[in-house]
Amino acid sequence: MSERDLTLLLLDIEQAIEAILEYTNGYTFEDFEADSKTRHAVERNFEIIGEAASRVSIDFKVNNPQIEWRILKDFRNFIIHDYFGINNEIVWETIQLRLADLLDDIKSLNS
């Protein structure tokens, strides 16, 4: 696994969140569920978030517990390994209820 600077990892997470929010802006759940291109793009960006989160050092994670690092990684694993059974409602709820706050937290770490 190649090393990537912490600042770049946080930027990867930030940009992936921003992409998800942009792709789903103005969508209803029904729109999201009907649009396979958007769903696939969102899933890919969740994979990026989880992969970048998994590469952040343990020390940094311990010092920044406001980010649910393990959940980010686990959500990536859920998408990768359960690709055939992804629950679109869970993905949608995550976008609607958690991503804006996560984006704020990541931006505060990367400033």
N, C-alpha and C. Protein backbone atom coordinates (compact mmCIF):
# COMPACT_ATOMS: atom_id res chain seq x y z
N MET A 1 0.85 -1.16 0.00
CA MET A 1 0.00 0.00 0.00
C MET A 1 0.90 1.23 0.00
N SER A 2 0.65 2.14 -0.93
CA SER A 2 1.48 3.34 -0.99
C SER A 2 1.10 4.32 0.11
N GLU A 3 2.09 5.07 0.54
CA GLU A 3 1.87 6.08 1.58
C GLU A 3 1.26 7.32 0.93
N ARG A 4 0.37 7.95 1.63
CA ARG A 4 -0.24 9.20 1.15
C ARG A 4 -0.27 10.15 2.33
N ASP A 5 0.12 11.37 2.10
CA ASP A 5 0.17 12.40 3.13
C ASP A 5 -1.21 12.59 3.76
N LEU A 6 -1.23 12.84 5.06
CA LEU A 6 -2.48 13.03 5.80
C LEU A 6 -3.34 14.12 5.18
N THR A 7 -2.71 15.23 4.81
CA THR A 7 -3.47 16.33 4.20
C THR A 7 -4.18 15.87 2.94
N LEU A 8 -3.52 15.05 2.15
CA LEU A 8 -4.13 14.54 0.92
C LEU A 8 -5.25 13.55 1.21
N LEU A 9 -5.07 12.73 2.23
CA LEU A 9 -6.13 11.79 2.61
C LEU A 9 -7.38 12.55 3.04
N LEU A 10 -7.20 13.57 3.86
CA LEU A 10 -8.35 14.37 4.30
C LEU A 10 -8.98 15.09 3.12
N LEU A 11 -8.17 15.55 2.19
CA LEU A 11 -8.69 16.20 0.99
C LEU A 11 -9.46 15.20 0.13
N ASP A 12 -8.97 13.97 0.04
CA ASP A 12 -9.70 12.92 -0.69
C ASP A 12 -11.09 12.73 -0.10
N ILE A 13 -11.15 12.66 1.23
CA ILE A 13 -12.44 12.48 1.91
C ILE A 13 -13.34 13.69 1.65
N GLU A 14 -12.79 14.87 1.81
CA GLU A 14 -13.56 16.10 1.60
C GLU A 14 -14.13 16.15 0.18
N GLN A 15 -13.30 15.89 -0.81
CA GLN A 15 -13.75 15.96 -2.20
C GLN A 15 -14.79 14.88 -2.52
N ALA A 16 -14.63 13.71 -1.94
CA ALA A 16 -15.61 12.64 -2.17
C ALA A 16 -16.96 13.01 -1.57
N ILE A 17 -16.95 13.59 -0.38
CA ILE A 17 -18.20 14.02 0.25
C ILE A 17 -18.86 15.10 -0.60
N GLU A 18 -18.06 16.08 -1.03
CA GLU A 18 -18.61 17.15 -1.86
C GLU A 18 -19.21 16.60 -3.15
N ALA A 19 -18.56 15.62 -3.74
CA ALA A 19 -19.08 15.01 -4.97
C ALA A 19 -20.43 14.34 -4.71
N ILE A 20 -20.52 13.58 -3.62
CA ILE A 20 -21.78 12.91 -3.28
C ILE A 20 -22.89 13.94 -3.10
N LEU A 21 -22.59 15.00 -2.36
CA LEU A 21 -23.61 16.03 -2.11
C LEU A 21 -24.01 16.72 -3.40
N GLU A 22 -23.05 16.94 -4.29
CA GLU A 22 -23.36 17.55 -5.59
C GLU A 22 -24.22 16.62 -6.44
N TYR A 23 -23.85 15.35 -6.50
CA TYR A 23 -24.59 14.39 -7.33
C TYR A 23 -26.03 14.23 -6.87
N THR A 24 -26.27 14.37 -5.59
CA THR A 24 -27.61 14.11 -5.05
C THR A 24 -28.39 15.39 -4.74
N ASN A 25 -27.80 16.53 -5.00
CA ASN A 25 -28.47 17.80 -4.73
C ASN A 25 -29.78 17.89 -5.53
N GLY A 26 -30.86 18.17 -4.83
CA GLY A 26 -32.16 18.30 -5.47
C GLY A 26 -32.88 16.98 -5.72
N TYR A 27 -32.25 15.88 -5.36
CA TYR A 27 -32.86 14.57 -5.56
C TYR A 27 -33.77 14.21 -4.39
N THR A 28 -34.78 13.45 -4.70
CA THR A 28 -35.55 12.73 -3.69
C THR A 28 -34.97 11.32 -3.62
N PHE A 29 -35.41 10.57 -2.63
CA PHE A 29 -34.97 9.18 -2.57
C PHE A 29 -35.37 8.43 -3.83
N GLU A 30 -36.56 8.70 -4.31
CA GLU A 30 -37.05 8.02 -5.52
C GLU A 30 -36.17 8.35 -6.72
N ASP A 31 -35.76 9.62 -6.84
CA ASP A 31 -34.85 10.01 -7.92
C ASP A 31 -33.53 9.24 -7.81
N PHE A 32 -33.01 9.20 -6.60
CA PHE A 32 -31.74 8.52 -6.35
C PHE A 32 -31.85 7.04 -6.71
N GLU A 33 -32.90 6.41 -6.25
CA GLU A 33 -33.06 4.98 -6.49
C GLU A 33 -33.23 4.67 -7.98
N ALA A 34 -33.83 5.58 -8.72
CA ALA A 34 -34.09 5.35 -10.14
C ALA A 34 -32.88 5.65 -11.03
N ASP A 35 -31.88 6.34 -10.49
CA ASP A 35 -30.74 6.80 -11.29
C ASP A 35 -29.50 5.96 -10.99
N SER A 36 -29.31 4.92 -11.76
CA SER A 36 -28.20 4.00 -11.48
C SER A 36 -26.84 4.67 -11.64
N LYS A 37 -26.70 5.60 -12.56
CA LYS A 37 -25.41 6.29 -12.71
C LYS A 37 -25.05 7.06 -11.44
N THR A 38 -26.02 7.77 -10.90
CA THR A 38 -25.77 8.52 -9.67
C THR A 38 -25.49 7.58 -8.51
N ARG A 39 -26.26 6.51 -8.39
CA ARG A 39 -26.02 5.55 -7.31
C ARG A 39 -24.60 4.99 -7.40
N HIS A 40 -24.18 4.62 -8.59
CA HIS A 40 -22.84 4.05 -8.75
C HIS A 40 -21.76 5.09 -8.44
N ALA A 41 -21.97 6.33 -8.85
CA ALA A 41 -21.00 7.39 -8.54
C ALA A 41 -20.92 7.64 -7.04
N VAL A 42 -22.07 7.63 -6.39
CA VAL A 42 -22.11 7.81 -4.93
C VAL A 42 -21.40 6.66 -4.24
N GLU A 43 -21.69 5.44 -4.66
CA GLU A 43 -21.04 4.27 -4.06
C GLU A 43 -19.52 4.36 -4.21
N ARG A 44 -19.06 4.75 -5.39
CA ARG A 44 -17.62 4.87 -5.62
C ARG A 44 -17.00 5.90 -4.67
N ASN A 45 -17.68 7.00 -4.46
CA ASN A 45 -17.15 8.03 -3.57
C ASN A 45 -17.18 7.58 -2.11
N PHE A 46 -18.17 6.78 -1.72
CA PHE A 46 -18.14 6.21 -0.38
C PHE A 46 -16.96 5.25 -0.23
N GLU A 47 -16.63 4.53 -1.30
CA GLU A 47 -15.45 3.66 -1.27
C GLU A 47 -14.19 4.49 -1.04
N ILE A 48 -14.08 5.62 -1.73
CA ILE A 48 -12.92 6.51 -1.57
C ILE A 48 -12.84 7.02 -0.14
N ILE A 49 -13.97 7.45 0.41
CA ILE A 49 -14.01 7.94 1.79
C ILE A 49 -13.48 6.87 2.75
N GLY A 50 -14.00 5.66 2.61
CA GLY A 50 -13.59 4.58 3.50
C GLY A 50 -12.15 4.18 3.34
N GLU A 51 -11.68 4.14 2.10
CA GLU A 51 -10.29 3.77 1.86
C GLU A 51 -9.35 4.83 2.42
N ALA A 52 -9.65 6.08 2.18
CA ALA A 52 -8.81 7.16 2.72
C ALA A 52 -8.83 7.13 4.24
N ALA A 53 -10.00 6.92 4.83
CA ALA A 53 -10.11 6.86 6.29
C ALA A 53 -9.28 5.71 6.86
N SER A 54 -9.24 4.60 6.15
CA SER A 54 -8.49 3.45 6.65
C SER A 54 -6.98 3.70 6.62
N ARG A 55 -6.54 4.66 5.81
CA ARG A 55 -5.11 4.95 5.69
C ARG A 55 -4.64 6.05 6.64
N VAL A 56 -5.57 6.69 7.32
CA VAL A 56 -5.20 7.71 8.31
C VAL A 56 -4.55 7.01 9.50
N SER A 57 -3.51 7.60 10.04
CA SER A 57 -2.77 6.96 11.13
C SER A 57 -3.63 6.78 12.38
N ILE A 58 -3.31 5.75 13.13
CA ILE A 58 -4.01 5.46 14.38
C ILE A 58 -3.91 6.65 15.34
N ASP A 59 -2.73 7.23 15.45
CA ASP A 59 -2.55 8.37 16.36
C ASP A 59 -3.48 9.52 16.00
N PHE A 60 -3.59 9.82 14.72
CA PHE A 60 -4.47 10.91 14.30
C PHE A 60 -5.92 10.58 14.62
N LYS A 61 -6.31 9.34 14.41
CA LYS A 61 -7.68 8.92 14.71
C LYS A 61 -7.98 9.05 16.20
N VAL A 62 -7.04 8.61 17.02
CA VAL A 62 -7.22 8.69 18.47
C VAL A 62 -7.35 10.14 18.92
N ASN A 63 -6.59 11.02 18.30
CA ASN A 63 -6.63 12.44 18.66
C ASN A 63 -7.81 13.20 18.06
N ASN A 64 -8.57 12.54 17.19
CA ASN A 64 -9.72 13.17 16.54
C ASN A 64 -10.92 12.23 16.57
N PRO A 65 -11.41 11.92 17.75
CA PRO A 65 -12.50 10.95 17.88
C PRO A 65 -13.86 11.47 17.42
N GLN A 66 -13.95 12.76 17.09
CA GLN A 66 -15.22 13.29 16.60
C GLN A 66 -15.58 12.71 15.23
N ILE A 67 -14.58 12.16 14.55
CA ILE A 67 -14.82 11.47 13.28
C ILE A 67 -14.98 9.99 13.60
N GLU A 68 -16.01 9.39 13.08
CA GLU A 68 -16.24 7.96 13.30
C GLU A 68 -15.47 7.16 12.25
N TRP A 69 -14.16 7.11 12.44
CA TRP A 69 -13.24 6.52 11.46
C TRP A 69 -13.62 5.09 11.12
N ARG A 70 -13.93 4.31 12.13
CA ARG A 70 -14.25 2.89 11.92
C ARG A 70 -15.51 2.74 11.07
N ILE A 71 -16.50 3.59 11.33
CA ILE A 71 -17.74 3.52 10.56
C ILE A 71 -17.48 3.86 9.09
N LEU A 72 -16.60 4.83 8.84
CA LEU A 72 -16.28 5.18 7.46
C LEU A 72 -15.68 3.98 6.73
N LYS A 73 -14.77 3.30 7.40
CA LYS A 73 -14.14 2.11 6.80
C LYS A 73 -15.16 0.99 6.65
N ASP A 74 -15.97 0.77 7.68
CA ASP A 74 -16.97 -0.31 7.62
C ASP A 74 -18.00 -0.07 6.52
N PHE A 75 -18.39 1.19 6.31
CA PHE A 75 -19.37 1.49 5.27
C PHE A 75 -18.77 1.19 3.90
N ARG A 76 -17.50 1.49 3.71
CA ARG A 76 -16.80 1.14 2.47
C ARG A 76 -16.83 -0.37 2.27
N ASN A 77 -16.52 -1.12 3.33
CA ASN A 77 -16.52 -2.57 3.23
C ASN A 77 -17.90 -3.11 2.91
N PHE A 78 -18.92 -2.52 3.49
CA PHE A 78 -20.30 -2.91 3.21
C PHE A 78 -20.60 -2.74 1.72
N ILE A 79 -20.18 -1.62 1.14
CA ILE A 79 -20.45 -1.36 -0.28
C ILE A 79 -19.63 -2.30 -1.16
N ILE A 80 -18.38 -2.51 -0.82
CA ILE A 80 -17.51 -3.36 -1.64
C ILE A 80 -17.95 -4.83 -1.59
N HIS A 81 -18.18 -5.33 -0.39
CA HIS A 81 -18.41 -6.76 -0.23
C HIS A 81 -19.88 -7.17 -0.37
N ASP A 82 -20.79 -6.25 -0.15
CA ASP A 82 -22.21 -6.55 -0.29
C ASP A 82 -22.81 -5.81 -1.47
N TYR A 83 -22.00 -5.64 -2.52
CA TYR A 83 -22.42 -4.87 -3.69
C TYR A 83 -23.74 -5.35 -4.28
N PHE A 84 -24.03 -6.62 -4.14
CA PHE A 84 -25.24 -7.20 -4.72
C PHE A 84 -26.46 -6.94 -3.86
N GLY A 85 -26.25 -6.48 -2.65
CA GLY A 85 -27.37 -6.28 -1.75
C GLY A 85 -27.35 -4.94 -1.05
N ILE A 86 -26.80 -3.92 -1.72
CA ILE A 86 -26.73 -2.59 -1.10
C ILE A 86 -28.14 -2.07 -0.87
N ASN A 87 -28.37 -1.61 0.33
CA ASN A 87 -29.67 -1.05 0.69
C ASN A 87 -29.63 0.45 0.38
N ASN A 88 -30.34 0.84 -0.68
CA ASN A 88 -30.33 2.23 -1.10
C ASN A 88 -30.87 3.18 -0.04
N GLU A 89 -31.78 2.69 0.78
CA GLU A 89 -32.32 3.54 1.85
C GLU A 89 -31.24 3.89 2.87
N ILE A 90 -30.38 2.94 3.20
CA ILE A 90 -29.29 3.21 4.14
C ILE A 90 -28.31 4.21 3.54
N VAL A 91 -27.98 4.02 2.28
CA VAL A 91 -27.07 4.96 1.61
C VAL A 91 -27.69 6.36 1.60
N TRP A 92 -28.96 6.44 1.24
CA TRP A 92 -29.65 7.74 1.17
C TRP A 92 -29.71 8.41 2.54
N GLU A 93 -30.07 7.65 3.56
CA GLU A 93 -30.13 8.22 4.91
C GLU A 93 -28.76 8.71 5.37
N THR A 94 -27.73 7.99 5.01
CA THR A 94 -26.37 8.42 5.35
C THR A 94 -26.05 9.75 4.69
N ILE A 95 -26.41 9.87 3.43
CA ILE A 95 -26.18 11.13 2.71
C ILE A 95 -26.94 12.27 3.39
N GLN A 96 -28.20 12.03 3.66
CA GLN A 96 -29.07 13.09 4.18
C GLN A 96 -28.77 13.47 5.62
N LEU A 97 -28.40 12.51 6.44
CA LEU A 97 -28.29 12.75 7.87
C LEU A 97 -26.87 12.93 8.40
N ARG A 98 -25.86 12.50 7.63
CA ARG A 98 -24.52 12.48 8.22
C ARG A 98 -23.45 13.20 7.42
N LEU A 99 -23.63 13.31 6.12
CA LEU A 99 -22.51 13.81 5.31
C LEU A 99 -22.19 15.28 5.52
N ALA A 100 -23.18 16.12 5.69
CA ALA A 100 -22.90 17.56 5.88
C ALA A 100 -22.06 17.78 7.13
N ASP A 101 -22.42 17.12 8.22
CA ASP A 101 -21.64 17.25 9.46
C ASP A 101 -20.24 16.67 9.31
N LEU A 102 -20.15 15.53 8.63
CA LEU A 102 -18.83 14.94 8.40
C LEU A 102 -17.97 15.88 7.57
N LEU A 103 -18.55 16.49 6.56
CA LEU A 103 -17.80 17.44 5.74
C LEU A 103 -17.26 18.59 6.59
N ASP A 104 -18.09 19.13 7.44
CA ASP A 104 -17.64 20.22 8.33
C ASP A 104 -16.49 19.76 9.22
N ASP A 105 -16.61 18.56 9.78
CA ASP A 105 -15.55 18.04 10.66
C ASP A 105 -14.25 17.83 9.89
N ILE A 106 -14.34 17.27 8.70
CA ILE A 106 -13.14 17.02 7.89
C ILE A 106 -12.50 18.35 7.49
N LYS A 107 -13.31 19.30 7.09
CA LYS A 107 -12.75 20.62 6.71
C LYS A 107 -12.03 21.27 7.89
N SER A 108 -12.58 21.12 9.08
CA SER A 108 -11.93 21.73 10.25
C SER A 108 -10.58 21.07 10.54
N LEU A 109 -10.46 19.79 10.23
CA LEU A 109 -9.18 19.10 10.43
C LEU A 109 -8.16 19.49 9.37
N ASN A 110 -8.64 19.85 8.21
CA ASN A 110 -7.76 20.10 7.07
C ASN A 110 -7.46 21.58 6.88
N SER A 111 -7.84 22.39 7.86
CA SER A 111 -7.58 23.84 7.70
C SER A 111 -6.34 24.28 8.45
